Amino acid sequence: MKVKQPKPFTFEAGPRAVLLLHGFTGHSADVRMLGRFLEKKGYTSHAPIYRGHGLPPEELIKASAGEWWEDVEEAFQHLQELGYKEIAVAGLSLGGVLGLKLAYSKKLKAVIPMCSPMFFDNETQLTKGFKFFSKEYKQLEGKDEKTIKEELDELMDNSTEVFEQVDAFIHEVKDQIDTIYTPTFVVQARKDEMINKKSATYIYDHVEAGVKDINWYEESGHVITMDKEKEQLHEDVYQFLESLDWEE
């Protein structure tokens, strides 16, 4: 069975733009509902898909953290080329880390990291999550259990480099977090078992933004954009964006 490949999206609405960034192993569907919600509220949104994502896991481990950063820069540039001058960024998990890097590299209106790691002490969870994603993908392809096991073993043997890159990228951003002056809204799920939840407090405490807030969601897990409290999250993101001093 052929797995349908996801696509990036752009929902054009008003003059305020939000760049939406998915997580590691995810793709644009992670942030699609948030994009549709913001569109109804008059915000334009754009969500790229990083290289290797939305594809078989073998493709994902061929890509690098540096390429994902390039993809995010291109997505930001895409919104600028469409004529948007004021751009906020909201990112899930690794997407939030990429968003934080964007916040100290470019001029942003706001940054919203959602369940975003600052510590790489949960490597087991990350590799476990990657293995789960890979197995699920291969099941969707209709492969038998023996083939899946063989392919998973090989995949895990070959994935060390990509995890080392993710580790290095997270540390690079963590080291620069106190150079962020962009308005920041930190989002964290209380039932997140994928990352160290202290990351949220670390981001909140160390960004130098004059405008910053943090919200905890008691009933949600790591992929908070698709969990029980997503409607509340949508509303909170919208209210934070509305509280900013936009030019138009």
Protein backbone atom coordinates (compact mmCIF):
# COMPACT_ATOMS: atom_id res chain seq x y z
CA MET A 1 0.00 0.00 0.00
CA LYS A 2 1.28 3.44 -0.91
CA VAL A 3 1.27 5.93 1.97
CA LYS A 4 -0.19 9.30 0.99
CA GLN A 5 2.49 11.97 1.32
CA PRO A 6 1.55 15.11 3.29
CA LYS A 7 2.08 18.56 1.81
CA PRO A 8 3.09 21.94 3.19
CA PHE A 9 0.26 24.45 3.49
CA THR A 10 -0.31 28.19 3.31
CA PHE A 11 -3.63 29.60 4.57
CA GLU A 12 -3.76 33.26 3.57
CA ALA A 13 -6.06 35.50 5.60
CA GLY A 14 -5.00 38.84 7.11
CA PRO A 15 -1.73 40.82 7.12
CA ARG A 16 -0.42 39.14 10.29
CA ALA A 17 1.47 35.92 9.59
CA VAL A 18 2.38 32.91 11.72
CA LEU A 19 4.97 30.34 10.68
CA LEU A 20 3.92 26.92 12.03
CA LEU A 21 6.66 24.33 12.58
CA HIS A 22 6.11 20.59 13.13
CA GLY A 23 8.13 18.22 15.29
CA PHE A 24 10.71 15.49 14.68
CA THR A 25 9.15 12.60 12.66
CA GLY A 26 6.01 14.74 12.21
CA HIS A 27 4.78 16.89 9.34
CA SER A 28 2.34 19.70 8.53
CA ALA A 29 -0.69 17.76 9.89
CA ASP A 30 0.71 18.38 13.42
CA VAL A 31 -0.13 22.09 13.11
CA ARG A 32 -2.92 22.08 10.50
CA MET A 33 -5.82 22.51 12.96
CA LEU A 34 -4.01 25.44 14.58
CA GLY A 35 -3.48 26.94 11.11
CA ARG A 36 -7.19 26.61 10.24
CA PHE A 37 -8.18 28.15 13.57
CA LEU A 38 -5.86 31.14 13.05
CA GLU A 39 -7.14 31.55 9.49
CA LYS A 40 -10.70 31.97 10.84
CA LYS A 41 -9.34 34.62 13.20
CA GLY A 42 -7.78 36.56 10.31
CA TYR A 43 -4.17 35.33 10.60
CA THR A 44 -2.20 33.96 7.67
CA SER A 45 -0.20 30.80 8.39
CA HIS A 46 2.38 28.74 6.55
CA ALA A 47 3.72 25.30 7.51
CA PRO A 48 6.67 23.74 5.68
CA ILE A 49 7.72 20.08 5.82
CA TYR A 50 11.41 19.59 6.57
CA ARG A 51 13.54 17.36 4.41
CA GLY A 52 13.06 13.65 5.07
CA HIS A 53 9.78 14.20 6.95
CA GLY A 54 6.43 12.86 5.77
CA LEU A 55 8.44 10.16 3.96
CA PRO A 56 9.66 6.65 4.84
CA PRO A 57 11.90 6.69 7.96
CA GLU A 58 14.92 5.73 5.84
CA GLU A 59 14.60 9.15 4.16
CA LEU A 60 14.37 10.96 7.48
CA ILE A 61 17.73 9.67 8.72
CA LYS A 62 19.38 10.75 5.46
CA ALA A 63 18.50 14.38 6.25
CA SER A 64 20.35 16.56 8.77
CA ALA A 65 19.47 19.11 11.44
CA GLY A 66 21.31 21.72 9.34
CA GLU A 67 19.00 21.00 6.41
CA TRP A 68 15.92 21.33 8.61
CA TRP A 69 17.18 24.72 9.74
CA GLU A 70 17.62 25.73 6.07
CA ASP A 71 14.04 24.58 5.41
CA VAL A 72 12.77 26.80 8.23
CA GLU A 73 14.74 29.79 6.93
CA GLU A 74 13.24 29.20 3.47
CA ALA A 75 9.74 29.00 4.95
CA PHE A 76 10.28 32.31 6.76
CA GLN A 77 11.55 33.83 3.52
CA HIS A 78 8.50 32.44 1.68
CA LEU A 79 6.21 34.47 3.95
CA GLN A 80 8.36 37.56 3.43
CA GLU A 81 8.21 37.08 -0.34
CA LEU A 82 4.42 36.88 -0.10
CA GLY A 83 4.61 40.38 1.40
CA TYR A 84 4.23 39.67 5.13
CA LYS A 85 6.31 42.06 7.21
CA GLU A 86 5.34 40.91 10.70
CA ILE A 87 5.77 37.20 11.33
CA ALA A 88 5.33 35.17 14.51
CA VAL A 89 6.44 31.55 14.81
CA ALA A 90 4.84 28.67 16.72
CA GLY A 91 6.63 25.32 16.81
CA LEU A 92 5.87 21.91 18.26
CA SER A 93 8.69 19.98 19.95
CA LEU A 94 11.79 20.23 17.70
CA GLY A 95 9.81 22.81 15.70
CA GLY A 96 9.84 24.99 18.82
CA VAL A 97 13.62 24.64 19.07
CA LEU A 98 13.91 25.67 15.41
CA GLY A 99 11.54 28.57 16.18
CA LEU A 100 13.71 29.71 19.09
CA LYS A 101 16.75 29.73 16.80
CA LEU A 102 14.73 31.83 14.36
CA ALA A 103 13.92 34.23 17.22
CA TYR A 104 17.59 35.06 17.83
CA SER A 105 18.52 34.94 14.12
CA LYS A 106 15.73 37.05 12.55
CA LYS A 107 13.32 39.80 13.53
CA LEU A 108 10.14 38.07 14.69
CA LYS A 109 6.89 39.34 16.17
CA ALA A 110 6.69 36.48 18.67
CA VAL A 111 7.89 32.94 19.34
CA ILE A 112 5.69 30.16 20.75
CA PRO A 113 7.61 26.97 21.64
CA MET A 114 5.20 24.10 22.42
CA CYS A 115 6.55 21.07 24.35
CA SER A 116 10.04 21.94 23.14
CA PRO A 117 13.15 20.22 24.56
CA MET A 118 16.12 22.06 26.02
CA PHE A 119 17.79 18.98 27.51
CA PHE A 120 18.79 15.83 25.67
CA ASP A 121 18.42 13.55 28.70
CA ASN A 122 15.41 11.79 27.18
CA GLU A 123 17.27 10.12 24.33
CA THR A 124 15.55 6.81 25.11
CA GLN A 125 12.13 8.39 24.60
CA LEU A 126 13.27 10.03 21.36
CA THR A 127 14.67 6.80 19.91
CA LYS A 128 11.59 4.92 21.16
CA GLY A 129 9.36 7.52 19.49
CA PHE A 130 11.32 7.20 16.24
CA LYS A 131 11.04 3.41 16.36
CA PHE A 132 7.28 3.61 16.98
CA PHE A 133 6.84 6.04 14.07
CA SER A 134 8.94 3.78 11.80
CA LYS A 135 7.00 0.64 12.72
CA GLU A 136 3.67 2.40 12.16
CA TYR A 137 4.82 3.65 8.76
CA LYS A 138 5.90 0.17 7.67
CA GLN A 139 2.60 -1.32 8.86
CA LEU A 140 0.76 1.26 6.73
CA GLU A 141 2.88 0.13 3.79
CA GLY A 142 1.46 -3.37 4.36
CA LYS A 143 4.75 -5.09 5.23
CA ASP A 144 4.74 -8.32 7.25
CA GLU A 145 6.07 -8.50 10.83
CA LYS A 146 9.31 -10.32 9.91
CA THR A 147 10.21 -7.71 7.26
CA ILE A 148 9.29 -4.89 9.62
CA LYS A 149 11.53 -6.27 12.39
CA GLU A 150 14.50 -6.68 10.04
CA GLU A 151 14.06 -3.18 8.59
CA LEU A 152 13.62 -1.63 12.05
CA ASP A 153 16.82 -3.24 13.36
CA GLU A 154 18.77 -1.87 10.40
CA LEU A 155 17.12 1.54 10.74
CA MET A 156 17.97 1.87 14.42
CA ASP A 157 21.59 0.85 13.71
CA ASN A 158 21.81 3.62 11.10
CA SER A 159 20.04 6.39 13.05
CA THR A 160 22.80 7.27 15.56
CA GLU A 161 24.09 10.23 13.55
CA VAL A 162 20.74 11.95 13.23
CA PHE A 163 20.18 11.74 17.02
CA GLU A 164 23.65 13.16 17.64
CA GLN A 165 22.76 16.07 15.35
CA VAL A 166 19.46 16.69 17.17
CA ASP A 167 21.39 16.67 20.48
CA ALA A 168 23.94 19.18 19.16
CA PHE A 169 21.22 21.42 17.72
CA ILE A 170 19.26 21.51 20.98
CA HIS A 171 22.44 22.41 22.91
CA GLU A 172 23.31 25.15 20.41
CA VAL A 173 19.91 26.80 20.86
CA LYS A 174 19.97 26.36 24.66
CA ASP A 175 23.30 28.21 24.77
CA GLN A 176 21.77 31.17 22.91
CA ILE A 177 18.39 31.31 24.67
CA ASP A 178 19.32 34.39 26.72
CA THR A 179 19.84 36.37 23.51
CA ILE A 180 16.10 36.18 22.72
CA TYR A 181 14.21 39.44 23.26
CA THR A 182 11.22 38.44 21.13
CA PRO A 183 7.84 38.18 22.95
CA THR A 184 7.61 34.54 24.05
CA PHE A 185 4.70 32.27 24.97
CA VAL A 186 5.87 28.91 26.35
CA VAL A 187 3.41 26.02 26.06
CA GLN A 188 3.89 22.75 27.96
CA ALA A 189 1.76 19.63 28.39
CA ARG A 190 1.78 18.19 31.91
CA LYS A 191 1.47 14.59 30.62
CA ASP A 192 4.35 14.96 28.15
CA GLU A 193 6.50 11.83 28.42
CA MET A 194 8.68 12.57 25.38
CA ILE A 195 10.78 15.45 26.74
CA ASN A 196 12.04 16.75 30.07
CA LYS A 197 9.22 19.06 31.20
CA LYS A 198 11.75 21.30 33.00
CA SER A 199 12.56 22.56 29.49
CA ALA A 200 9.48 24.81 29.58
CA THR A 201 10.56 26.54 32.80
CA TYR A 202 14.12 26.81 31.48
CA ILE A 203 12.95 28.61 28.32
CA TYR A 204 10.63 30.92 30.29
CA ASP A 205 13.31 31.79 32.86
CA HIS A 206 16.14 32.38 30.37
CA VAL A 207 14.61 34.31 27.46
CA GLU A 208 15.21 38.04 27.98
CA ALA A 209 11.86 39.07 26.49
CA GLY A 210 10.02 41.90 28.23
CA VAL A 211 6.77 40.18 27.22
CA LYS A 212 6.66 36.50 28.14
CA ASP A 213 4.16 33.98 29.45
CA ILE A 214 3.97 30.25 30.20
CA ASN A 215 0.95 27.93 30.21
CA TRP A 216 0.67 24.35 31.44
CA TYR A 217 -1.98 22.02 30.03
CA GLU A 218 -2.89 19.42 32.62
CA GLU A 219 -4.58 16.81 30.41
CA SER A 220 -2.35 16.84 27.32
CA GLY A 221 0.58 14.75 26.09
CA HIS A 222 3.54 15.65 23.89
CA VAL A 223 1.67 16.31 20.63
CA ILE A 224 -0.38 19.02 22.34
CA THR A 225 -1.66 20.48 19.05
CA MET A 226 -3.74 17.33 18.52
CA ASP A 227 -4.61 16.39 22.10
CA LYS A 228 -7.59 16.91 24.45
CA GLU A 229 -6.93 20.59 25.17
CA LYS A 230 -6.22 21.68 21.58
CA GLU A 231 -9.18 24.08 21.49
CA GLN A 232 -7.92 25.80 24.64
CA LEU A 233 -4.42 25.91 23.17
CA HIS A 234 -5.77 27.49 19.96
CA GLU A 235 -7.57 30.17 21.97
CA ASP A 236 -4.54 30.87 24.19
CA VAL A 237 -2.21 31.21 21.17
CA TYR A 238 -4.72 33.58 19.54
CA GLN A 239 -5.09 35.69 22.71
CA PHE A 240 -1.30 35.94 23.07
CA LEU A 241 -0.95 37.06 19.44
CA GLU A 242 -3.76 39.57 19.91
CA SER A 243 -2.00 41.06 22.95
CA LEU A 244 0.99 42.10 20.82
CA ASP A 245 1.49 45.52 19.28
CA TRP A 246 1.06 44.77 15.56
CA GLU A 247 1.78 47.61 13.13
CA GLU A 248 -1.41 47.43 11.07
